[in-house]
């Protein structure tokens, strides 16, 4: 736990303190460390899935195949996971 100077009164306070005990200045905690691991994992899974799903959809949809919809569905699911994880991570930090 590090000490930082309060932007208002210059008193040393903990970086994890929600507000300065002397002047009451509210600190905002918008660092990535404040985001839950669950939402970080969803974002990472979404990014990996997009990097796999998009090229896979381009390859499979060019030919006639019974599995044409699978890569597009995969792309959609991982896009949703990325978006959902991002929104939830933002919501936890807001």
Protein backbone atom coordinates (compact mmCIF):
# COMPACT_ATOMS: atom_id res chain seq x y z
CA UNK A 1 0.00 0.00 0.00
CA UNK A 2 1.58 3.24 -1.16
CA UNK A 3 1.10 6.73 0.17
CA UNK A 4 0.19 9.55 -2.19
CA UNK A 5 -0.35 13.26 -1.69
CA UNK A 6 -3.93 14.51 -1.65
CA UNK A 7 -4.50 16.84 -4.63
CA UNK A 8 -6.49 19.25 -2.42
CA UNK A 9 -4.57 19.56 0.86
CA UNK A 10 -1.24 17.80 0.02
CA UNK A 11 -1.51 15.53 3.07
CA UNK A 12 -0.15 11.98 2.67
CA UNK A 13 -2.97 9.45 2.36
CA UNK A 14 -3.26 5.83 1.30
CA UNK A 15 -3.79 5.27 -2.41
CA UNK A 16 -6.63 2.90 -1.51
CA UNK A 17 -8.46 5.38 0.73
CA UNK A 18 -11.79 6.40 -0.84
CA UNK A 19 -11.36 9.98 0.44
CA UNK A 20 -8.88 12.18 2.25
CA UNK A 21 -9.50 12.04 6.03
CA UNK A 22 -8.52 15.70 6.45
CA UNK A 23 -10.30 17.55 3.63
CA UNK A 24 -12.72 14.87 2.34
CA UNK A 25 -11.42 14.92 -1.27
CA UNK A 26 -12.94 11.93 -3.12
CA UNK A 27 -10.46 9.75 -4.99
CA UNK A 28 -11.60 7.93 -8.10
CA UNK A 29 -10.53 4.34 -8.47
CA UNK A 30 -10.62 3.66 -12.21
CA UNK A 31 -7.56 1.46 -12.46
CA UNK A 32 -7.69 -1.96 -14.03
CA UNK A 33 -6.86 -3.46 -10.64
CA UNK A 34 -10.31 -2.37 -9.48
CA UNK A 35 -11.99 -4.61 -12.05
CA UNK A 36 -12.98 -8.12 -11.01
CA UNK A 37 -11.07 -11.08 -12.44
CA UNK A 38 -14.31 -12.54 -13.77
CA UNK A 39 -14.87 -9.62 -16.13
CA UNK A 40 -11.22 -9.50 -17.17
CA UNK A 41 -11.46 -13.19 -18.06
CA UNK A 42 -14.60 -12.58 -20.15
CA UNK A 43 -12.83 -9.79 -22.02
CA UNK A 44 -9.77 -11.96 -22.66
CA UNK A 45 -11.93 -14.87 -23.82
CA UNK A 46 -13.82 -12.54 -26.14
CA UNK A 47 -10.64 -11.18 -27.70
CA UNK A 48 -9.16 -14.65 -28.22
CA UNK A 49 -12.44 -15.90 -29.63
CA UNK A 50 -12.63 -13.04 -32.08
CA UNK A 51 -9.10 -13.67 -33.30
CA UNK A 52 -10.00 -17.33 -33.86
CA UNK A 53 -13.63 -16.95 -34.94
CA UNK A 54 -13.23 -14.27 -37.57
CA UNK A 55 -10.56 -16.02 -39.71
CA UNK A 56 -12.37 -19.31 -39.22
CA UNK A 57 -15.59 -17.77 -40.48
CA UNK A 58 -13.84 -16.50 -43.61
CA UNK A 59 -12.39 -19.92 -44.41
CA UNK A 60 -15.45 -22.05 -43.71
CA UNK A 61 -18.09 -19.83 -45.30
CA UNK A 62 -16.35 -19.86 -48.68
CA UNK A 63 -17.09 -23.51 -49.37
CA UNK A 64 -20.27 -25.54 -49.22
CA UNK A 65 -20.38 -27.06 -45.78
CA UNK A 66 -22.92 -28.24 -43.25
CA UNK A 67 -21.02 -26.28 -40.61
CA UNK A 68 -21.27 -22.85 -42.29
CA UNK A 69 -23.13 -21.26 -39.39
CA UNK A 70 -20.78 -22.51 -36.67
CA UNK A 71 -17.96 -19.97 -37.22
CA UNK A 72 -20.43 -17.11 -37.53
CA UNK A 73 -22.15 -18.22 -34.35
CA UNK A 74 -18.75 -18.50 -32.65
CA UNK A 75 -17.88 -14.99 -33.81
CA UNK A 76 -21.19 -13.67 -32.45
CA UNK A 77 -20.84 -15.41 -29.09
CA UNK A 78 -17.29 -14.18 -28.52
CA UNK A 79 -18.26 -10.66 -29.64
CA UNK A 80 -21.02 -10.73 -27.05
CA UNK A 81 -18.61 -11.97 -24.35
CA UNK A 82 -16.15 -9.19 -25.13
CA UNK A 83 -18.86 -6.53 -25.06
CA UNK A 84 -20.50 -7.92 -21.91
CA UNK A 85 -17.17 -8.20 -20.08
CA UNK A 86 -16.24 -4.64 -21.05
CA UNK A 87 -19.57 -3.21 -19.91
CA UNK A 88 -19.49 -5.10 -16.61
CA UNK A 89 -15.89 -4.03 -15.94
CA UNK A 90 -16.91 -0.42 -16.60
CA UNK A 91 -20.00 -0.80 -14.42
CA UNK A 92 -17.93 -2.09 -11.46
CA UNK A 93 -15.57 0.90 -11.71
CA UNK A 94 -18.22 3.57 -12.26
